[in-house]
Amino acid sequence: MPEFNPYKIINPNSQNPLILTCEHAAATIPNGYNNLGLSDNELDTHIARDKGCGVLTEMLAQTLGCTAFIANYSRLFIDYNRRENEASLILSESDGVTVKGNQNLSSDEREFRLAHFHRPYYAAIFAKIRDLQARNITPTIFSVHGFTPQLKGGSFRPWNAGILFVKENPFAVHLLSELQKIDNLKIDANVPYDMRQYNTGAAAICGEDIGLQNAVIEIRDTEFDDIQTGAEKWCNILSRIL
């Protein structure tokens, strides 16, 4: 059986209470899956990855000296930002694009992807949480994501970014209020997705479910039309607030 590296860790030994996660950093499909039948152009779109978010997460981790967990494979192979029992864990279609390699997926293949990709990712995050707690450090979970300005047939999403949370907590409220003070940025709560409705993803699973403060940032992917410039801009903004 081939070896897989389902995620990478930045600053694994940090004792900073902030833990960063980025579930949609990559568009990579593991070897042997023929890119799930998708073209290189299709894999270079929002259906496969959140543009710029992996670079931003790593930059933030290095700037702040905190630990970050970054997924190495595409959300189309398995969505690290979903609970195990969700129908959207492995999609057969995304924003009008058929994912041929996910059609009629067997229960064995679903279990294989969970066992070798999804579960190891969460096991590593929870191990880090337990390590900090053993040192009397209370972790905070912050997930970095991006969104496309407009889905097929959908309305335009005008926000530069949103701060998402299941329940209000001081960390999420602080992020939101500080971002809303910045001129020329349109920021709102629980946009373009309402986490109170979906209650899923790493911030919910590793934060909300176990009583840790948490938040998700969703950044419009046009902010990363030049990835390095966009990552530096948002690293400067967020590191100052965090």
Protein backbone atom coordinates (compact mmCIF):
# COMPACT_ATOMS: atom_id res chain seq x y z
CA MET A 1 0.00 0.00 0.00
CA PRO A 2 1.46 3.41 -0.93
CA GLU A 3 2.41 5.92 1.73
CA PHE A 4 0.29 9.05 1.93
CA ASN A 5 1.04 12.36 3.59
CA PRO A 6 -2.48 13.70 4.17
CA TYR A 7 -1.33 16.97 5.77
CA LYS A 8 1.68 19.04 6.74
CA ILE A 9 2.35 20.70 10.07
CA ILE A 10 4.03 24.06 10.52
CA ASN A 11 5.72 24.71 13.90
CA PRO A 12 4.61 21.40 15.46
CA ASN A 13 6.28 22.13 18.81
CA SER A 14 4.91 25.64 19.29
CA GLN A 15 3.23 26.40 22.62
CA ASN A 16 1.29 29.32 21.17
CA PRO A 17 -2.39 28.73 22.06
CA LEU A 18 -3.50 29.61 18.51
CA ILE A 19 -3.91 26.62 16.19
CA LEU A 20 -4.42 27.37 12.49
CA THR A 21 -6.05 24.94 10.06
CA CYS A 22 -6.48 25.03 6.29
CA GLU A 23 -8.57 22.20 4.88
CA HIS A 24 -8.80 23.34 1.26
CA ALA A 25 -5.20 24.36 0.61
CA ALA A 26 -4.42 21.95 -2.24
CA ALA A 27 -5.82 20.73 -5.54
CA THR A 28 -3.71 17.57 -5.51
CA ILE A 29 -5.30 14.17 -6.19
CA PRO A 30 -3.35 11.10 -4.96
CA ASN A 31 -1.54 8.96 -7.51
CA GLY A 32 -3.60 6.20 -9.06
CA TYR A 33 -6.84 8.16 -9.31
CA ASN A 34 -6.29 9.76 -12.75
CA ASN A 35 -7.15 13.16 -11.24
CA LEU A 36 -10.70 11.82 -10.68
CA GLY A 37 -11.26 12.36 -14.41
CA LEU A 38 -10.81 16.13 -14.09
CA SER A 39 -8.71 18.37 -16.33
CA ASP A 40 -5.84 20.50 -15.05
CA ASN A 41 -8.00 23.57 -15.72
CA GLU A 42 -10.83 22.19 -13.59
CA LEU A 43 -8.42 21.40 -10.77
CA ASP A 44 -7.19 24.99 -10.90
CA THR A 45 -10.57 26.37 -9.80
CA HIS A 46 -12.54 26.89 -6.60
CA ILE A 47 -14.14 23.45 -6.84
CA ALA A 48 -10.78 21.82 -6.07
CA ARG A 49 -9.06 24.24 -3.68
CA ASP A 50 -9.25 27.64 -1.98
CA LYS A 51 -6.79 29.80 -3.90
CA GLY A 52 -4.05 31.35 -1.81
CA CYS A 53 -5.28 30.05 1.54
CA GLY A 54 -2.51 27.51 2.06
CA VAL A 55 0.15 30.12 1.39
CA LEU A 56 -1.58 32.56 3.75
CA THR A 57 -1.93 29.96 6.51
CA GLU A 58 1.74 29.03 6.37
CA MET A 59 2.74 32.71 6.31
CA LEU A 60 0.56 33.42 9.35
CA ALA A 61 1.99 30.45 11.24
CA GLN A 62 5.54 31.60 10.59
CA THR A 63 4.73 35.21 11.48
CA LEU A 64 2.93 34.35 14.71
CA GLY A 65 5.00 31.32 15.68
CA CYS A 66 1.94 29.11 16.05
CA THR A 67 1.13 25.61 14.84
CA ALA A 68 -0.73 25.15 11.56
CA PHE A 69 -2.26 22.06 9.98
CA ILE A 70 -2.55 22.23 6.19
CA ALA A 71 -4.33 19.56 4.13
CA ASN A 72 -2.29 18.17 1.23
CA TYR A 73 -5.12 16.85 -0.96
CA SER A 74 -8.10 18.29 -2.77
CA ARG A 75 -11.51 18.71 -1.25
CA LEU A 76 -12.80 16.77 -4.28
CA PHE A 77 -10.91 13.65 -3.18
CA ILE A 78 -12.19 13.99 0.37
CA ASP A 79 -13.37 17.16 2.06
CA TYR A 80 -11.32 17.61 5.21
CA ASN A 81 -13.78 20.34 6.23
CA ARG A 82 -16.74 18.01 6.68
CA ARG A 83 -17.90 15.54 9.29
CA GLU A 84 -17.54 11.87 8.43
CA ASN A 85 -21.24 11.21 7.97
CA GLU A 86 -22.01 14.15 5.65
CA ALA A 87 -23.15 13.53 2.08
CA SER A 88 -20.82 16.31 0.90
CA LEU A 89 -17.73 14.56 2.30
CA ILE A 90 -17.03 13.18 -1.19
CA LEU A 91 -18.82 14.96 -4.02
CA SER A 92 -19.87 13.41 -7.32
CA GLU A 93 -20.58 16.90 -8.70
CA SER A 94 -19.38 20.38 -7.75
CA ASP A 95 -20.70 23.68 -9.14
CA GLY A 96 -21.89 21.99 -12.32
CA VAL A 97 -18.75 19.89 -12.87
CA THR A 98 -19.11 16.10 -12.78
CA VAL A 99 -16.39 14.37 -10.76
CA LYS A 100 -16.13 11.09 -12.68
CA GLY A 101 -13.79 9.42 -10.21
CA ASN A 102 -16.33 9.84 -7.42
CA GLN A 103 -19.29 8.32 -9.25
CA ASN A 104 -20.86 5.24 -7.65
CA LEU A 105 -18.23 5.25 -4.91
CA SER A 106 -18.05 2.00 -2.97
CA SER A 107 -18.29 1.94 0.80
CA ASP A 108 -14.78 0.40 0.87
CA GLU A 109 -13.33 3.31 -1.08
CA ARG A 110 -15.10 5.84 1.11
CA GLU A 111 -13.69 4.11 4.20
CA PHE A 112 -10.20 4.02 2.64
CA ARG A 113 -10.21 7.79 2.11
CA LEU A 114 -11.48 8.40 5.62
CA ALA A 115 -8.91 6.08 7.19
CA HIS A 116 -5.88 7.35 5.28
CA PHE A 117 -6.65 11.07 4.85
CA HIS A 118 -9.50 12.53 6.88
CA ARG A 119 -9.05 10.76 10.23
CA PRO A 120 -5.25 11.20 10.42
CA TYR A 121 -5.71 14.95 9.88
CA TYR A 122 -8.14 15.28 12.77
CA ALA A 123 -6.14 12.90 14.96
CA ALA A 124 -3.12 15.19 14.56
CA ILE A 125 -5.09 18.33 15.45
CA PHE A 126 -6.62 16.69 18.52
CA ALA A 127 -3.19 15.44 19.59
CA LYS A 128 -1.93 19.03 19.46
CA ILE A 129 -4.93 20.24 21.44
CA ARG A 130 -4.30 17.62 24.14
CA ASP A 131 -0.60 18.50 24.26
CA LEU A 132 -1.35 22.19 24.86
CA GLN A 133 -4.02 21.39 27.44
CA ALA A 134 -1.55 19.15 29.29
CA ARG A 135 0.65 22.25 29.57
CA ASN A 136 -2.30 24.27 30.98
CA ILE A 137 -2.60 26.16 27.68
CA THR A 138 -6.12 26.59 26.32
CA PRO A 139 -6.09 26.39 22.51
CA THR A 140 -8.05 28.55 20.09
CA ILE A 141 -8.92 27.17 16.64
CA PHE A 142 -8.80 29.42 13.55
CA SER A 143 -9.55 27.99 10.10
CA VAL A 144 -8.56 29.77 6.89
CA HIS A 145 -10.80 29.36 3.83
CA GLY A 146 -11.77 31.11 0.63
CA PHE A 147 -14.83 31.48 -1.58
CA THR A 148 -15.53 32.21 -5.21
CA PRO A 149 -17.30 35.52 -5.96
CA GLN A 150 -20.16 33.76 -7.75
CA LEU A 151 -21.31 30.18 -8.11
CA LYS A 152 -22.98 29.11 -11.35
CA GLY A 153 -26.52 30.50 -11.27
CA GLY A 154 -25.86 32.21 -7.94
CA SER A 155 -25.84 35.85 -6.94
CA PHE A 156 -22.65 37.91 -6.63
CA ARG A 157 -21.00 37.74 -3.22
CA PRO A 158 -19.83 41.28 -2.43
CA TRP A 159 -17.79 40.63 0.72
CA ASN A 160 -14.02 40.73 0.88
CA ALA A 161 -14.24 38.26 3.75
CA GLY A 162 -16.55 36.80 6.35
CA ILE A 163 -16.00 35.56 9.89
CA LEU A 164 -17.96 32.38 10.57
CA PHE A 165 -18.92 30.71 13.85
CA VAL A 166 -21.59 28.38 15.24
CA LYS A 167 -22.00 30.37 18.44
CA GLU A 168 -20.65 33.79 19.28
CA ASN A 169 -17.42 33.58 21.23
CA PRO A 170 -14.97 36.32 22.23
CA PHE A 171 -12.36 35.27 19.67
CA ALA A 172 -14.77 35.35 16.71
CA VAL A 173 -16.36 38.62 17.89
CA HIS A 174 -12.93 40.24 18.25
CA LEU A 175 -11.88 39.19 14.75
CA LEU A 176 -15.11 40.43 13.23
CA SER A 177 -15.13 43.78 15.02
CA GLU A 178 -11.47 44.52 14.23
CA LEU A 179 -11.83 43.60 10.56
CA GLN A 180 -14.92 45.78 10.24
CA LYS A 181 -12.86 48.79 11.35
CA ILE A 182 -10.65 48.55 8.26
CA ASP A 183 -11.53 50.97 5.46
CA ASN A 184 -12.30 49.56 2.01
CA LEU A 185 -13.08 46.08 3.29
CA LYS A 186 -16.61 44.68 3.30
CA ILE A 187 -16.76 42.17 6.17
CA ASP A 188 -19.76 40.47 7.75
CA ALA A 189 -20.62 37.56 10.04
CA ASN A 190 -21.45 34.10 8.70
CA VAL A 191 -21.07 35.00 5.02
CA PRO A 192 -21.07 33.67 2.36
CA TYR A 193 -22.00 30.54 4.37
CA ASP A 194 -23.86 30.43 7.66
CA MET A 195 -21.92 28.15 9.98
CA ARG A 196 -24.82 28.27 12.47
CA GLN A 197 -26.85 26.37 9.89
CA TYR A 198 -24.20 23.90 8.73
CA ASN A 199 -22.21 23.36 11.97
CA THR A 200 -19.39 21.56 10.21
CA GLY A 201 -15.70 21.88 9.50
CA ALA A 202 -12.50 21.87 11.53
CA ALA A 203 -13.39 24.92 13.65
CA ALA A 204 -16.64 23.25 14.69
CA ILE A 205 -15.22 19.76 15.15
CA CYS A 206 -12.01 20.78 16.94
CA GLY A 207 -13.32 23.93 18.59
CA GLU A 208 -17.04 24.30 19.09
CA ASP A 209 -17.68 20.61 19.82
CA ILE A 210 -15.21 20.56 22.73
CA GLY A 211 -15.78 24.05 24.10
CA LEU A 212 -12.80 25.90 22.60
CA GLN A 213 -13.03 29.39 21.15
CA ASN A 214 -12.93 29.28 17.37
CA ALA A 215 -13.66 31.03 14.11
CA VAL A 216 -13.40 30.57 10.36
CA ILE A 217 -12.35 33.27 7.94
CA GLU A 218 -13.68 33.02 4.39
CA ILE A 219 -11.74 35.30 2.02
CA ARG A 220 -13.00 36.04 -1.51
CA ASP A 221 -10.55 34.40 -3.88
CA THR A 222 -10.13 37.49 -6.04
CA GLU A 223 -8.04 38.76 -3.13
CA PHE A 224 -5.49 36.16 -4.30
CA ASP A 225 -5.41 36.96 -8.01
CA ASP A 226 -1.74 37.51 -7.25
CA ILE A 227 -1.24 34.87 -4.57
CA GLN A 228 1.89 36.28 -2.95
CA THR A 229 0.54 39.83 -2.82
CA GLY A 230 -2.81 38.68 -1.46
CA ALA A 231 -1.23 36.43 1.15
CA GLU A 232 1.05 39.23 2.35
CA LYS A 233 -1.88 41.66 2.54
CA TRP A 234 -4.03 39.30 4.61
CA CYS A 235 -1.11 38.13 6.73
CA ASN A 236 -0.44 41.74 7.69
CA ILE A 237 -4.11 42.34 8.49
CA LEU A 238 -4.70 39.15 10.46
CA SER A 239 -1.40 38.90 12.30
CA ARG A 240 -1.95 42.38 13.71
CA ILE A 241 -5.42 41.42 14.97
CA LEU A 242 -4.48 37.94 16.18
